[in-house]
Amino acid sequence: MAEAPPGALAAAARNLLVGCAGLGQGQRLLLVAEDPALGWYDRAAPEAVAREAVALGATVSIVAVGGPEADPPADLPRRTAEADVAVYFARIGDRDRFSAAAGGVRVVSYARTASALASGFGSRPHAEMCALRDRVDRALSRARSIRIACPLGTDLIGAPAPAAEAVPADVAIWRFPMCVPAPVSAAAFSGRVALCGHLAPTGSRSYEPATLAVPETVFARIEGGRITGFDGKETLVAAIRAHHAHVAARFGIAADAVHSWHAGIHDGCDAPCRAEDDPDLWTNSVFGSPEYLHFHTCGDYPPGEICWMVARPTVTADGRDIWRDGRLLPDGP
């Protein structure tokens, strides 16, 4: 990632605080900061946001937390409820993001380091990204027919769910940067999805093993949002079935569910590592890039528990490409 120009970090912090969260003078900001030793977040990003918040006239407090598998501090719910704005530089911000939130504004930052925050990922105006998201949402929600394809052979066709059955248009804990449109229900989609690379968690809950390597393409057969079978190397098919069964048994959920999908819209999205080095971190870093589309599977609710990543997707709505070979078309939405 290229070095950001002077002042970029402060400007990006203001983009988060004002452009996204609407923080104002005299308000109370709580920063929830994950232990940098865990390798996901650094200390410099929340510290930069704290400095900018003080400059804006806000009152700032910071609470340190561990990873998503650790119990948070006992007073965190109270401190969060008392804050006008809470910003999570921590994976626990991904928990319950589709659930109702009480109190003020809650934001989870996917710009996990100061360099990511100051880059084009964190500095692009939040309102601009929200407007792009809205255009994509309208194009997909109004389509009569949508086809998803990829170079490995994904071929899935369906239609958005009726408004009354659609996935919630936004999450209770806001995303920053805005990098994905609303999930599209997979209930009316059928065909096949090419699985290759890794199956990874969605960030909803913690489990072990968190990921499963899929070194050769396996096709998942889908009918009406349900997995009906897998085609591919026998040992890989058995491993995928066992992984889904293990996660489903762990939480008492439907192993065959394919709940919804969406593709990334932010071309500044990048990963701090290679997929083979840390597939969990990689997957949860690149999901907002137009180069990837992901499915929420294993669990009949958003976002499910197992993420299927599809590289270089082409998404066609009523004969018009919205994404083509991993690129979001400027005039598509």
Protein backbone atom coordinates (compact mmCIF):
# COMPACT_ATOMS: atom_id res chain seq x y z
CA MET A 1 0.00 0.00 0.00
CA ALA A 2 1.47 3.34 -1.08
CA GLU A 3 2.42 5.89 1.56
CA ALA A 4 -0.37 8.43 2.10
CA PRO A 5 0.28 12.17 1.68
CA PRO A 6 0.68 14.39 4.79
CA GLY A 7 -2.62 15.10 6.46
CA ALA A 8 -4.33 12.10 4.86
CA LEU A 9 -4.70 10.22 8.14
CA ALA A 10 -6.41 13.13 9.90
CA ALA A 11 -8.69 13.69 6.90
CA ALA A 12 -9.63 10.01 6.79
CA ALA A 13 -10.32 10.01 10.54
CA ARG A 14 -12.67 12.96 9.99
CA ASN A 15 -14.29 11.05 7.13
CA LEU A 16 -15.07 8.26 9.59
CA LEU A 17 -16.12 10.50 12.48
CA VAL A 18 -18.12 13.16 10.63
CA GLY A 19 -18.84 11.72 7.19
CA CYS A 20 -19.95 8.33 8.52
CA ALA A 21 -20.81 8.65 12.23
CA GLY A 22 -21.94 12.29 12.28
CA LEU A 23 -19.94 13.06 15.42
CA GLY A 24 -20.44 16.60 16.69
CA GLN A 25 -18.97 18.94 19.26
CA GLY A 26 -19.74 17.98 22.84
CA GLN A 27 -20.67 14.40 22.00
CA ARG A 28 -19.22 11.33 23.67
CA LEU A 29 -17.12 8.96 21.55
CA LEU A 30 -16.16 5.46 22.65
CA LEU A 31 -13.38 3.70 20.74
CA VAL A 32 -13.29 -0.07 21.16
CA ALA A 33 -9.74 -1.13 20.29
CA GLU A 34 -8.64 -4.73 19.75
CA ASP A 35 -5.26 -5.86 21.08
CA PRO A 36 -2.75 -5.16 18.26
CA ALA A 37 -0.79 -8.25 19.25
CA LEU A 38 -3.55 -10.35 17.67
CA GLY A 39 -2.51 -9.06 14.25
CA TRP A 40 -5.79 -7.68 12.93
CA TYR A 41 -5.79 -4.05 14.11
CA ASP A 42 -2.99 -1.64 14.94
CA ARG A 43 -2.89 0.94 17.72
CA ALA A 44 -2.20 3.91 15.43
CA ALA A 45 -5.62 3.94 13.72
CA PRO A 46 -7.77 4.39 16.86
CA GLU A 47 -5.23 6.83 18.28
CA ALA A 48 -5.49 8.96 15.12
CA VAL A 49 -9.28 8.89 15.33
CA ALA A 50 -9.12 9.87 19.01
CA ARG A 51 -6.93 12.89 18.19
CA GLU A 52 -9.30 14.07 15.48
CA ALA A 53 -12.32 13.59 17.73
CA VAL A 54 -10.73 15.76 20.43
CA ALA A 55 -10.05 18.40 17.77
CA LEU A 56 -13.73 18.27 16.87
CA GLY A 57 -14.66 18.99 20.49
CA ALA A 58 -15.83 15.51 21.42
CA THR A 59 -15.15 13.67 24.67
CA VAL A 60 -13.19 10.50 23.96
CA SER A 61 -12.66 7.27 25.85
CA ILE A 62 -10.96 4.08 24.71
CA VAL A 63 -11.60 0.54 25.92
CA ALA A 64 -9.20 -2.29 25.08
CA VAL A 65 -10.62 -5.68 24.11
CA GLY A 66 -9.35 -9.05 22.99
CA GLY A 67 -10.36 -11.12 19.99
CA PRO A 68 -13.92 -12.25 19.18
CA GLU A 69 -13.52 -15.46 21.17
CA ALA A 70 -12.62 -13.57 24.38
CA ASP A 71 -15.12 -12.19 26.85
CA PRO A 72 -15.28 -8.38 26.53
CA PRO A 73 -14.91 -6.16 29.62
CA ALA A 74 -17.95 -6.42 31.87
CA ASP A 75 -18.63 -2.68 31.67
CA LEU A 76 -18.52 -2.50 27.86
CA PRO A 77 -22.33 -2.65 27.36
CA ARG A 78 -22.81 0.21 29.82
CA ARG A 79 -20.07 2.33 28.30
CA THR A 80 -21.39 1.68 24.81
CA ALA A 81 -24.92 2.63 25.83
CA GLU A 82 -23.68 5.87 27.34
CA ALA A 83 -21.75 6.90 24.20
CA ASP A 84 -23.28 8.99 21.44
CA VAL A 85 -20.95 7.27 18.98
CA ALA A 86 -19.05 4.00 19.38
CA VAL A 87 -16.43 3.01 16.81
CA TYR A 88 -15.10 -0.53 16.83
CA PHE A 89 -11.52 -1.09 15.78
CA ALA A 90 -12.19 -4.66 16.83
CA ARG A 91 -13.70 -7.79 15.39
CA ILE A 92 -16.40 -7.86 18.06
CA GLY A 93 -17.97 -4.98 16.12
CA ASP A 94 -18.95 -7.54 13.48
CA ARG A 95 -21.06 -9.47 15.98
CA ASP A 96 -24.80 -8.84 15.81
CA ARG A 97 -24.35 -6.43 12.93
CA PHE A 98 -27.69 -7.55 11.48
CA SER A 99 -29.46 -7.21 14.85
CA ALA A 100 -31.26 -4.22 16.26
CA ALA A 101 -28.95 -1.77 18.01
CA ALA A 102 -29.91 0.37 20.96
CA GLY A 103 -28.54 3.79 21.75
CA GLY A 104 -26.47 6.00 19.47
CA VAL A 105 -24.45 5.44 16.33
CA ARG A 106 -22.35 2.28 16.17
CA VAL A 107 -19.64 1.83 13.51
CA VAL A 108 -17.21 -1.00 12.78
CA SER A 109 -14.07 0.02 10.91
CA TYR A 110 -12.72 -2.31 8.25
CA ALA A 111 -9.81 0.12 7.82
CA ARG A 112 -7.83 -1.76 10.45
CA THR A 113 -4.54 0.10 10.35
CA ALA A 114 -3.44 3.71 10.07
CA SER A 115 -2.08 3.06 6.58
CA ALA A 116 -5.37 1.52 5.45
CA LEU A 117 -7.33 4.37 6.98
CA ALA A 118 -5.19 7.02 5.27
CA SER A 119 -5.27 5.22 1.91
CA GLY A 120 -7.93 5.51 -0.77
CA PHE A 121 -9.89 2.89 1.14
CA GLY A 122 -10.52 5.07 4.19
CA SER A 123 -10.28 8.50 2.60
CA ARG A 124 -12.87 8.24 -0.16
CA PRO A 125 -15.83 10.36 0.98
CA HIS A 126 -18.31 8.21 2.86
CA ALA A 127 -21.30 9.92 1.24
CA GLU A 128 -19.89 9.08 -2.19
CA MET A 129 -19.63 5.40 -1.29
CA CYS A 130 -23.14 5.36 0.19
CA ALA A 131 -24.51 6.89 -3.01
CA LEU A 132 -22.77 4.16 -5.04
CA ARG A 133 -24.18 1.50 -2.72
CA ASP A 134 -27.68 2.92 -3.18
CA ARG A 135 -27.34 2.81 -6.98
CA VAL A 136 -26.26 -0.82 -6.84
CA ASP A 137 -29.06 -1.68 -4.39
CA ARG A 138 -31.67 -0.16 -6.72
CA ALA A 139 -30.31 -1.98 -9.76
CA LEU A 140 -30.34 -5.36 -8.02
CA SER A 141 -33.61 -5.01 -6.11
CA ARG A 142 -35.55 -3.99 -9.24
CA ALA A 143 -34.16 -6.74 -11.47
CA ARG A 144 -36.46 -9.48 -12.70
CA SER A 145 -33.57 -11.89 -13.32
CA ILE A 146 -29.98 -11.97 -12.05
CA ARG A 147 -27.19 -14.26 -13.19
CA ILE A 148 -23.90 -14.80 -11.32
CA ALA A 149 -20.94 -16.26 -13.18
CA CYS A 150 -17.16 -16.55 -12.75
CA PRO A 151 -14.19 -17.91 -14.73
CA LEU A 152 -14.14 -21.13 -12.66
CA GLY A 153 -17.67 -22.03 -13.73
CA THR A 154 -20.08 -20.46 -11.25
CA ASP A 155 -23.49 -20.25 -12.94
CA LEU A 156 -26.35 -19.22 -10.70
CA ILE A 157 -29.63 -17.68 -11.81
CA GLY A 158 -32.44 -16.20 -9.75
CA ALA A 159 -34.33 -13.11 -8.74
CA PRO A 160 -34.40 -10.81 -5.70
CA ALA A 161 -36.84 -11.68 -2.96
CA PRO A 162 -40.04 -9.62 -2.64
CA ALA A 163 -39.52 -6.55 -0.47
CA ALA A 164 -41.29 -8.16 2.49
CA GLU A 165 -38.86 -11.10 2.40
CA ALA A 166 -35.66 -9.24 1.52
CA VAL A 167 -32.55 -9.15 3.70
CA PRO A 168 -32.37 -5.92 5.74
CA ALA A 169 -30.94 -3.15 3.55
CA ASP A 170 -28.37 -2.15 6.13
CA VAL A 171 -26.79 -3.40 9.30
CA ALA A 172 -27.41 -2.08 12.80
CA ILE A 173 -23.70 -1.50 13.28
CA TRP A 174 -22.65 0.67 10.36
CA ARG A 175 -19.73 -0.21 8.10
CA PHE A 176 -16.80 2.06 7.44
CA PRO A 177 -15.70 2.31 4.74
CA MET A 178 -18.93 1.48 2.94
CA CYS A 179 -17.84 -1.38 0.73
CA VAL A 180 -20.78 -3.71 0.00
CA PRO A 181 -24.40 -3.25 -1.08
CA ALA A 182 -27.29 -4.87 0.75
CA PRO A 183 -27.21 -8.68 0.67
CA VAL A 184 -29.47 -10.26 -1.93
CA SER A 185 -31.55 -13.17 -0.69
CA ALA A 186 -30.53 -16.46 -2.29
CA ALA A 187 -33.95 -18.03 -1.70
CA ALA A 188 -34.90 -17.86 -5.40
CA PHE A 189 -31.45 -18.71 -6.83
CA SER A 190 -30.48 -22.05 -8.37
CA GLY A 191 -27.44 -23.35 -10.24
CA ARG A 192 -23.89 -23.99 -9.15
CA VAL A 193 -21.15 -22.10 -7.29
CA ALA A 194 -17.45 -22.81 -7.85
CA LEU A 195 -15.66 -23.19 -4.51
CA CYS A 196 -11.90 -22.78 -4.57
CA GLY A 197 -9.36 -21.30 -2.17
CA HIS A 198 -10.80 -21.35 1.34
CA LEU A 199 -14.07 -21.50 3.22
CA ALA A 200 -13.90 -18.89 5.98
CA PRO A 201 -16.00 -17.50 8.84
CA THR A 202 -18.38 -14.60 8.24
CA GLY A 203 -17.30 -12.81 11.42
CA SER A 204 -20.63 -13.54 13.11
CA ARG A 205 -19.36 -16.12 15.61
CA SER A 206 -16.10 -17.86 16.45
CA TYR A 207 -15.40 -21.52 15.85
CA GLU A 208 -12.48 -23.87 15.20
CA PRO A 209 -11.19 -24.74 12.73
CA ALA A 210 -12.07 -21.33 11.35
CA THR A 211 -11.17 -22.08 7.73
CA LEU A 212 -11.01 -24.96 5.29
CA ALA A 213 -8.60 -25.12 2.35
CA VAL A 214 -10.18 -26.00 -1.00
CA PRO A 215 -7.13 -26.31 -3.32
CA GLU A 216 -9.13 -27.59 -6.31
CA THR A 217 -12.48 -26.41 -7.61
CA VAL A 218 -15.55 -28.07 -6.14
CA PHE A 219 -19.01 -27.16 -7.39
CA ALA A 220 -21.82 -26.62 -4.92
CA ARG A 221 -25.23 -27.36 -6.41
CA ILE A 222 -27.92 -24.92 -5.26
CA GLU A 223 -31.70 -25.17 -5.58
CA GLY A 224 -33.85 -22.39 -4.15
CA GLY A 225 -31.18 -21.26 -1.72
CA ARG A 226 -30.38 -24.77 -0.46
CA ILE A 227 -27.29 -26.90 -1.05
CA THR A 228 -28.34 -30.10 -2.80
CA GLY A 229 -24.88 -31.56 -3.35
CA PHE A 230 -21.23 -31.05 -4.24
CA ASP A 231 -19.30 -32.17 -7.31
CA GLY A 232 -15.52 -32.52 -7.35
CA LYS A 233 -12.66 -34.49 -5.86
CA GLU A 234 -14.12 -36.96 -3.41
CA THR A 235 -11.83 -36.07 -0.51
CA LEU A 236 -12.54 -32.34 -0.90
CA VAL A 237 -16.30 -32.91 -1.15
CA ALA A 238 -16.15 -34.96 2.06
CA ALA A 239 -14.13 -32.25 3.80
CA ILE A 240 -16.56 -29.50 2.77
CA ARG A 241 -19.55 -31.55 3.91
CA ALA A 242 -17.84 -32.28 7.23
CA HIS A 243 -16.95 -28.60 7.74
CA HIS A 244 -20.53 -27.48 7.14
CA ALA A 245 -21.84 -30.24 9.39
CA HIS A 246 -19.38 -29.33 12.15
CA VAL A 247 -20.28 -25.63 12.14
CA ALA A 248 -24.00 -26.40 11.89
CA ALA A 249 -23.84 -28.78 14.86
CA ARG A 250 -21.82 -26.25 16.86
CA PHE A 251 -24.61 -23.66 16.66
CA GLY A 252 -27.69 -25.76 15.91
CA ILE A 253 -28.23 -24.25 12.45
CA ALA A 254 -29.01 -25.43 8.91
CA ALA A 255 -25.90 -26.81 7.21
CA ASP A 256 -27.48 -26.64 3.74
CA ALA A 257 -28.63 -23.02 3.87
CA VAL A 258 -27.36 -20.45 1.37
CA HIS A 259 -28.94 -17.35 2.81
CA SER A 260 -27.74 -14.45 0.67
CA TRP A 261 -24.90 -12.93 -1.34
CA HIS A 262 -23.30 -9.64 -2.28
CA ALA A 263 -20.22 -8.39 -4.14
CA GLY A 264 -17.82 -5.62 -3.20
CA ILE A 265 -18.02 -2.04 -4.48
CA HIS A 266 -14.85 -0.39 -3.08
CA ASP A 267 -11.85 -0.64 -5.39
CA GLY A 268 -9.55 0.67 -2.64
CA CYS A 269 -10.10 -2.49 -0.61
CA ASP A 270 -6.93 -4.52 -0.08
CA ALA A 271 -5.56 -7.27 2.16
CA PRO A 272 -2.52 -7.09 4.49
CA CYS A 273 -1.56 -10.70 3.79
CA ARG A 274 -1.78 -13.51 1.27
CA ALA A 275 -4.77 -15.82 1.36
CA GLU A 276 -2.59 -18.85 2.05
CA ASP A 277 -0.90 -17.15 5.01
CA ASP A 278 -4.08 -16.20 6.90
CA PRO A 279 -7.28 -17.08 5.01
CA ASP A 280 -9.53 -15.68 7.75
CA LEU A 281 -7.87 -12.25 7.78
CA TRP A 282 -7.56 -12.22 3.99
CA THR A 283 -11.21 -13.12 3.39
CA ASN A 284 -12.45 -10.59 5.92
CA SER A 285 -10.27 -7.91 4.33
CA VAL A 286 -11.00 -8.31 0.60
CA PHE A 287 -14.75 -9.00 0.81
CA GLY A 288 -15.49 -5.35 -0.06
CA SER A 289 -13.47 -5.42 -3.29
CA PRO A 290 -15.34 -5.66 -6.63
CA GLU A 291 -12.98 -8.52 -7.44
CA TYR A 292 -14.95 -10.76 -5.07
CA LEU A 293 -18.52 -11.83 -4.44
CA HIS A 294 -19.34 -13.85 -1.35
CA PHE A 295 -22.18 -16.03 -0.18
CA HIS A 296 -23.51 -16.24 3.39
CA THR A 297 -24.00 -19.95 4.02
CA CYS A 298 -24.60 -22.40 6.87
CA GLY A 299 -27.41 -20.76 8.81
CA ASP A 300 -30.78 -19.48 7.70
CA TYR A 301 -30.04 -15.90 8.73
CA PRO A 302 -27.63 -13.14 7.70
CA PRO A 303 -24.70 -13.45 7.48
CA GLY A 304 -24.69 -17.19 8.20
CA GLU A 305 -21.48 -18.71 9.53
CA ILE A 306 -19.50 -19.87 6.48
CA CYS A 307 -18.38 -17.54 3.71
CA TRP A 308 -17.97 -18.75 0.13
CA MET A 309 -15.76 -16.42 -1.93
CA VAL A 310 -16.14 -16.14 -5.71
CA ALA A 311 -13.29 -14.40 -7.54
CA ARG A 312 -13.76 -12.20 -10.63
CA PRO A 313 -17.57 -12.35 -10.60
CA THR A 314 -19.83 -11.24 -13.41
CA VAL A 315 -23.27 -10.23 -12.18
CA THR A 316 -25.85 -9.57 -14.87
CA ALA A 317 -29.22 -8.00 -14.06
CA ASP A 318 -31.87 -8.19 -16.80
CA GLY A 319 -29.17 -8.61 -19.43
CA ARG A 320 -26.97 -5.74 -18.19
CA ASP A 321 -23.66 -6.37 -16.42
CA ILE A 322 -23.33 -4.68 -13.02
CA TRP A 323 -19.99 -6.40 -12.31
CA ARG A 324 -17.94 -7.86 -15.15
CA ASP A 325 -14.97 -10.13 -14.44
CA GLY A 326 -14.41 -8.56 -11.03
CA ARG A 327 -14.95 -4.93 -12.04
CA LEU A 328 -17.90 -2.82 -10.98
CA LEU A 329 -18.99 -1.04 -14.14
CA PRO A 330 -19.30 2.73 -13.61
CA ASP A 331 -22.49 2.93 -15.67
CA GLY A 332 -23.82 -0.46 -14.62
CA PRO A 333 -25.88 0.60 -11.60
